[in-house]
Amino acid sequence: MEVYLLDRKVIKKMIIAICMLMISMAVSVFFKSKGVFLNQERKLPIYSVGTEEKKVSITFDVNWGENNTTEILDILDKYNVKATFFLIGNWIDDFPEEVKEIHKRGHEIGNHSNSHPDMSKISKEKIINELSVTDTKTIKTIGESTKLFRFPSGAYNNLSVETVNALGYHCIQWDVDSIDWRAEGEEKEYNRVMKNIKPGSILLFHTDGKYTPKTLPRIIEDLKAKGYEFVKVGDLIYKNNYYIDHQGRQIKQ
């Protein structure tokens, strides 16, 4: 009789353990699916473009002080490549002639905010003001507006993406980062770009990168040899009838 009771206790404990395990698995599945759902709801900028054509865009962030802009423009001219330059308003104030030169040579200018704040941490009103002030300076300097925007330091949240989109801008990130601002060396920056490039990629450089004027010609030459064409971001992205997948890739519908 005692053995029988003991068996019943063991069985009861086993049943409880199994129930607890099933509950735990159910909770885990719920939160994982919830996480996927939340991820799908997250607003994303354009990191790259889904295309089978071997087209890519070279972009430059232009933030502070003296830089290699003129040298970079000469390199782009040499290879007949047009690029996209994202400018902050404060830099436009300090270097209006360089802004005009970028535009004169046929390159595209994008909005990069006025003072380079973390846009995931400021209000909707401040976001609007940052873009509006820079847009006004751009129009005053080159006589044209822009509908491309890049978040300072790549920082954003749903509010900032929604706000920028509502203003009529395309939010542009990148999927190939040279990380040239670290000045880690010409070879490392070259390899970093070349191993990550693919059709529809958006490349990120900075006009004040120490090795950028050295790596840029080599990258352009080698990608051209591989059959790639360089186009401005505005000519790479889809303007309508598209969606952005969970990796930030713009897909034509």
Protein backbone atom coordinates (compact mmCIF):
# COMPACT_ATOMS: atom_id res chain seq x y z
CA MET A 1 0.00 0.00 0.00
CA GLU A 2 2.83 2.39 0.89
CA VAL A 3 4.59 1.61 -2.40
CA TYR A 4 1.37 2.34 -4.27
CA LEU A 5 0.98 5.71 -2.53
CA LEU A 6 4.57 6.54 -3.31
CA ASP A 7 3.99 5.78 -6.97
CA ARG A 8 0.98 8.06 -7.00
CA LYS A 9 3.05 10.88 -5.50
CA VAL A 10 5.76 10.36 -8.10
CA ILE A 11 3.21 10.35 -10.90
CA LYS A 12 1.62 13.53 -9.53
CA LYS A 13 4.98 15.28 -9.45
CA MET A 14 5.70 14.14 -13.00
CA ILE A 15 2.35 15.48 -14.20
CA ILE A 16 3.00 18.82 -12.51
CA ALA A 17 6.50 18.99 -14.02
CA ILE A 18 5.15 18.24 -17.49
CA CYS A 19 2.46 20.89 -17.11
CA MET A 20 5.00 23.46 -15.98
CA LEU A 21 7.22 22.61 -18.96
CA MET A 22 4.32 23.00 -21.38
CA ILE A 23 3.37 26.34 -19.85
CA SER A 24 6.96 27.50 -20.09
CA MET A 25 7.17 26.48 -23.75
CA ALA A 26 3.88 28.22 -24.52
CA VAL A 27 5.05 31.44 -22.86
CA SER A 28 8.34 31.26 -24.76
CA VAL A 29 6.59 30.79 -28.10
CA PHE A 30 4.21 33.66 -27.31
CA PHE A 31 6.96 36.13 -26.55
CA LYS A 32 9.00 35.06 -29.54
CA SER A 33 6.03 35.54 -31.84
CA LYS A 34 5.26 38.81 -30.10
CA GLY A 35 8.83 39.88 -30.72
CA VAL A 36 8.48 39.10 -34.41
CA PHE A 37 5.26 41.04 -34.50
CA LEU A 38 6.87 44.02 -32.82
CA ASN A 39 9.80 43.81 -35.21
CA GLN A 40 7.41 43.89 -38.15
CA GLU A 41 5.84 47.03 -36.69
CA ARG A 42 9.18 48.78 -36.37
CA LYS A 43 9.63 51.63 -38.83
CA LEU A 44 12.82 51.34 -40.86
CA PRO A 45 14.74 53.62 -43.20
CA ILE A 46 16.09 52.36 -46.53
CA TYR A 47 19.35 50.47 -46.01
CA SER A 48 19.61 49.03 -49.52
CA VAL A 49 17.53 48.41 -52.61
CA GLY A 50 16.32 45.06 -53.86
CA THR A 51 17.47 44.83 -57.47
CA GLU A 52 19.19 42.39 -59.80
CA GLU A 53 20.91 45.23 -61.61
CA LYS A 54 24.49 45.81 -60.49
CA LYS A 55 23.87 49.37 -59.37
CA VAL A 56 25.16 50.88 -56.13
CA SER A 57 25.31 54.33 -54.56
CA ILE A 58 28.29 56.00 -52.92
CA THR A 59 27.29 58.38 -50.14
CA PHE A 60 29.26 60.78 -47.97
CA ASP A 61 28.32 62.24 -44.62
CA VAL A 62 29.63 65.79 -44.29
CA ASN A 63 29.53 66.87 -40.67
CA TRP A 64 32.22 69.07 -39.20
CA GLY A 65 35.04 71.41 -40.20
CA GLU A 66 37.78 70.99 -42.78
CA ASN A 67 37.76 67.86 -44.90
CA ASN A 68 38.78 66.21 -48.17
CA THR A 69 35.73 67.32 -50.14
CA THR A 70 37.59 68.93 -53.04
CA GLU A 71 39.95 65.97 -53.41
CA ILE A 72 37.02 63.55 -53.31
CA LEU A 73 35.16 65.57 -55.94
CA ASP A 74 38.21 65.40 -58.20
CA ILE A 75 38.37 61.61 -57.78
CA LEU A 76 34.69 61.24 -58.62
CA ASP A 77 35.16 63.44 -61.69
CA LYS A 78 38.11 61.32 -62.82
CA TYR A 79 35.97 58.17 -62.83
CA ASN A 80 32.78 59.91 -63.98
CA VAL A 81 30.95 58.83 -60.84
CA LYS A 82 28.08 60.75 -59.27
CA ALA A 83 27.50 60.42 -55.53
CA THR A 84 25.18 61.67 -52.80
CA PHE A 85 26.40 64.02 -50.05
CA PHE A 86 24.43 64.36 -46.81
CA LEU A 87 25.11 67.78 -45.30
CA ILE A 88 24.35 69.26 -41.90
CA GLY A 89 23.13 72.84 -41.80
CA ASN A 90 26.00 74.07 -39.65
CA TRP A 91 28.48 72.88 -42.28
CA ILE A 92 26.51 74.63 -45.02
CA ASP A 93 26.91 77.85 -43.00
CA ASP A 94 30.69 77.42 -42.79
CA PHE A 95 31.39 76.10 -46.30
CA PRO A 96 28.79 77.48 -48.72
CA GLU A 97 31.24 77.49 -51.64
CA GLU A 98 31.99 73.81 -51.20
CA VAL A 99 28.26 73.10 -51.13
CA LYS A 100 27.91 74.96 -54.41
CA GLU A 101 30.83 73.03 -55.87
CA ILE A 102 29.28 69.67 -54.91
CA HIS A 103 26.09 70.71 -56.66
CA LYS A 104 27.89 72.24 -59.65
CA ARG A 105 29.69 68.98 -60.35
CA GLY A 106 26.41 67.13 -60.64
CA HIS A 107 26.24 65.36 -57.30
CA GLU A 108 23.17 64.92 -55.15
CA ILE A 109 22.71 66.68 -51.83
CA GLY A 110 20.77 65.20 -48.93
CA ASN A 111 19.59 66.60 -45.61
CA HIS A 112 21.56 65.42 -42.55
CA SER A 113 19.88 67.69 -39.96
CA ASN A 114 21.08 71.11 -38.84
CA SER A 115 23.08 70.35 -35.70
CA HIS A 116 23.54 66.54 -35.82
CA PRO A 117 21.40 65.55 -32.79
CA ASP A 118 20.38 62.05 -31.77
CA MET A 119 16.93 62.01 -33.34
CA SER A 120 15.79 59.06 -31.27
CA LYS A 121 15.95 61.33 -28.23
CA ILE A 122 14.32 64.56 -29.35
CA SER A 123 10.71 65.64 -29.82
CA LYS A 124 8.73 65.63 -33.04
CA GLU A 125 8.83 69.42 -33.10
CA LYS A 126 12.62 69.48 -32.84
CA ILE A 127 12.95 66.88 -35.59
CA ILE A 128 10.81 69.00 -37.90
CA ASN A 129 12.84 72.09 -37.05
CA GLU A 130 16.17 70.34 -37.70
CA LEU A 131 15.08 69.34 -41.21
CA SER A 132 13.33 72.60 -41.99
CA VAL A 133 16.29 74.79 -41.04
CA THR A 134 18.69 72.70 -43.14
CA ASP A 135 16.30 72.65 -46.07
CA THR A 136 16.07 76.44 -45.98
CA LYS A 137 19.87 76.72 -46.00
CA THR A 138 20.15 74.27 -48.89
CA ILE A 139 17.65 76.20 -51.00
CA LYS A 140 19.39 79.48 -50.20
CA THR A 141 22.79 78.05 -51.18
CA ILE A 142 22.07 76.01 -54.32
CA GLY A 143 18.52 77.02 -55.20
CA GLU A 144 17.14 73.52 -54.72
CA SER A 145 15.53 71.46 -52.00
CA THR A 146 16.11 67.78 -51.29
CA LYS A 147 13.90 64.85 -50.40
CA LEU A 148 16.60 62.58 -49.05
CA PHE A 149 17.46 62.46 -45.35
CA ARG A 150 20.00 60.57 -43.27
CA PHE A 151 19.77 60.27 -39.49
CA PRO A 152 22.78 61.66 -37.63
CA SER A 153 24.92 58.74 -36.41
CA GLY A 154 22.25 56.46 -37.90
CA ALA A 155 20.12 56.85 -34.75
CA TYR A 156 16.33 56.68 -35.10
CA ASN A 157 13.11 55.32 -33.63
CA ASN A 158 9.56 54.94 -34.88
CA LEU A 159 8.66 58.55 -34.09
CA SER A 160 11.62 59.99 -36.00
CA VAL A 161 11.10 57.76 -39.05
CA GLU A 162 7.38 58.52 -39.17
CA THR A 163 8.01 62.26 -38.73
CA VAL A 164 10.63 62.43 -41.47
CA ASN A 165 8.51 60.36 -43.85
CA ALA A 166 5.51 62.60 -43.18
CA LEU A 167 7.61 65.57 -44.31
CA GLY A 168 8.02 63.88 -47.68
CA TYR A 169 11.58 62.64 -47.26
CA HIS A 170 13.06 59.23 -47.99
CA CYS A 171 15.10 58.09 -44.96
CA ILE A 172 18.41 56.71 -46.24
CA GLN A 173 20.78 54.55 -44.21
CA TRP A 174 23.45 52.20 -45.61
CA ASP A 175 24.30 48.51 -45.77
CA VAL A 176 28.03 48.86 -46.56
CA ASP A 177 30.02 50.90 -44.06
CA SER A 178 33.66 51.76 -44.74
CA ILE A 179 33.98 52.95 -41.11
CA ASP A 180 36.57 55.35 -42.51
CA TRP A 181 36.20 57.69 -39.55
CA ARG A 182 38.20 55.21 -37.45
CA ALA A 183 41.22 55.62 -39.76
CA GLU A 184 42.14 51.95 -39.42
CA GLY A 185 44.04 51.80 -42.68
CA GLU A 186 43.52 51.72 -46.42
CA GLU A 187 43.57 47.93 -46.78
CA LYS A 188 41.09 47.27 -43.97
CA GLU A 189 38.62 49.83 -45.30
CA TYR A 190 38.93 48.50 -48.85
CA ASN A 191 38.32 44.89 -47.77
CA ARG A 192 35.42 45.88 -45.54
CA VAL A 193 33.62 47.48 -48.47
CA MET A 194 34.41 44.87 -51.10
CA LYS A 195 33.30 41.86 -49.06
CA ASN A 196 29.89 43.38 -48.29
CA ILE A 197 28.94 44.93 -51.61
CA LYS A 198 25.98 43.62 -53.60
CA PRO A 199 23.52 44.96 -56.18
CA GLY A 200 21.46 47.76 -54.63
CA SER A 201 23.98 48.54 -51.89
CA ILE A 202 24.35 51.99 -50.36
CA LEU A 203 27.95 52.71 -49.33
CA LEU A 204 28.86 55.03 -46.47
CA PHE A 205 31.97 57.24 -46.40
CA HIS A 206 32.88 60.51 -44.70
CA THR A 207 34.56 63.45 -46.39
CA ASP A 208 36.97 63.79 -43.48
CA GLY A 209 38.06 60.12 -43.54
CA LYS A 210 41.86 59.97 -43.45
CA TYR A 211 42.19 57.13 -45.96
CA THR A 212 39.05 57.77 -48.01
CA PRO A 213 40.86 59.57 -50.86
CA LYS A 214 43.20 56.56 -51.10
CA THR A 215 40.61 53.76 -50.89
CA LEU A 216 37.98 55.40 -53.09
CA PRO A 217 39.81 55.09 -56.47
CA ARG A 218 40.64 51.45 -55.84
CA ILE A 219 37.07 50.62 -54.82
CA ILE A 220 35.61 52.40 -57.84
CA GLU A 221 38.04 50.73 -60.27
CA ASP A 222 37.50 47.24 -58.88
CA LEU A 223 33.72 47.51 -58.71
CA LYS A 224 33.57 48.84 -62.25
CA ALA A 225 35.70 45.88 -63.32
CA LYS A 226 33.09 43.63 -61.71
CA GLY A 227 30.36 45.28 -63.79
CA TYR A 228 28.94 47.68 -61.19
CA GLU A 229 27.43 51.03 -62.08
CA PHE A 230 27.43 53.97 -59.67
CA VAL A 231 24.26 56.05 -59.38
CA LYS A 232 22.98 58.69 -57.02
CA VAL A 233 20.70 57.48 -54.23
CA GLY A 234 17.77 59.32 -55.78
CA ASP A 235 18.27 57.25 -58.93
CA LEU A 236 18.72 53.97 -57.05
CA ILE A 237 15.68 53.93 -54.76
CA TYR A 238 12.07 53.31 -55.72
CA LYS A 239 9.88 56.38 -55.30
CA ASN A 240 6.55 54.54 -55.03
CA ASN A 241 4.95 51.08 -54.96
CA TYR A 242 7.47 49.51 -52.62
CA TYR A 243 7.83 48.12 -49.12
CA ILE A 244 10.79 47.86 -46.76
CA ASP A 245 11.57 44.41 -45.37
CA HIS A 246 12.86 43.58 -41.88
CA GLN A 247 16.45 44.23 -42.99
CA GLY A 248 15.69 47.68 -44.34
CA ARG A 249 15.83 46.51 -47.94
CA GLN A 250 13.51 48.40 -50.26
CA ILE A 251 11.51 45.95 -52.36
CA LYS A 252 9.55 46.88 -55.48
CA GLN A 253 5.92 45.70 -55.42
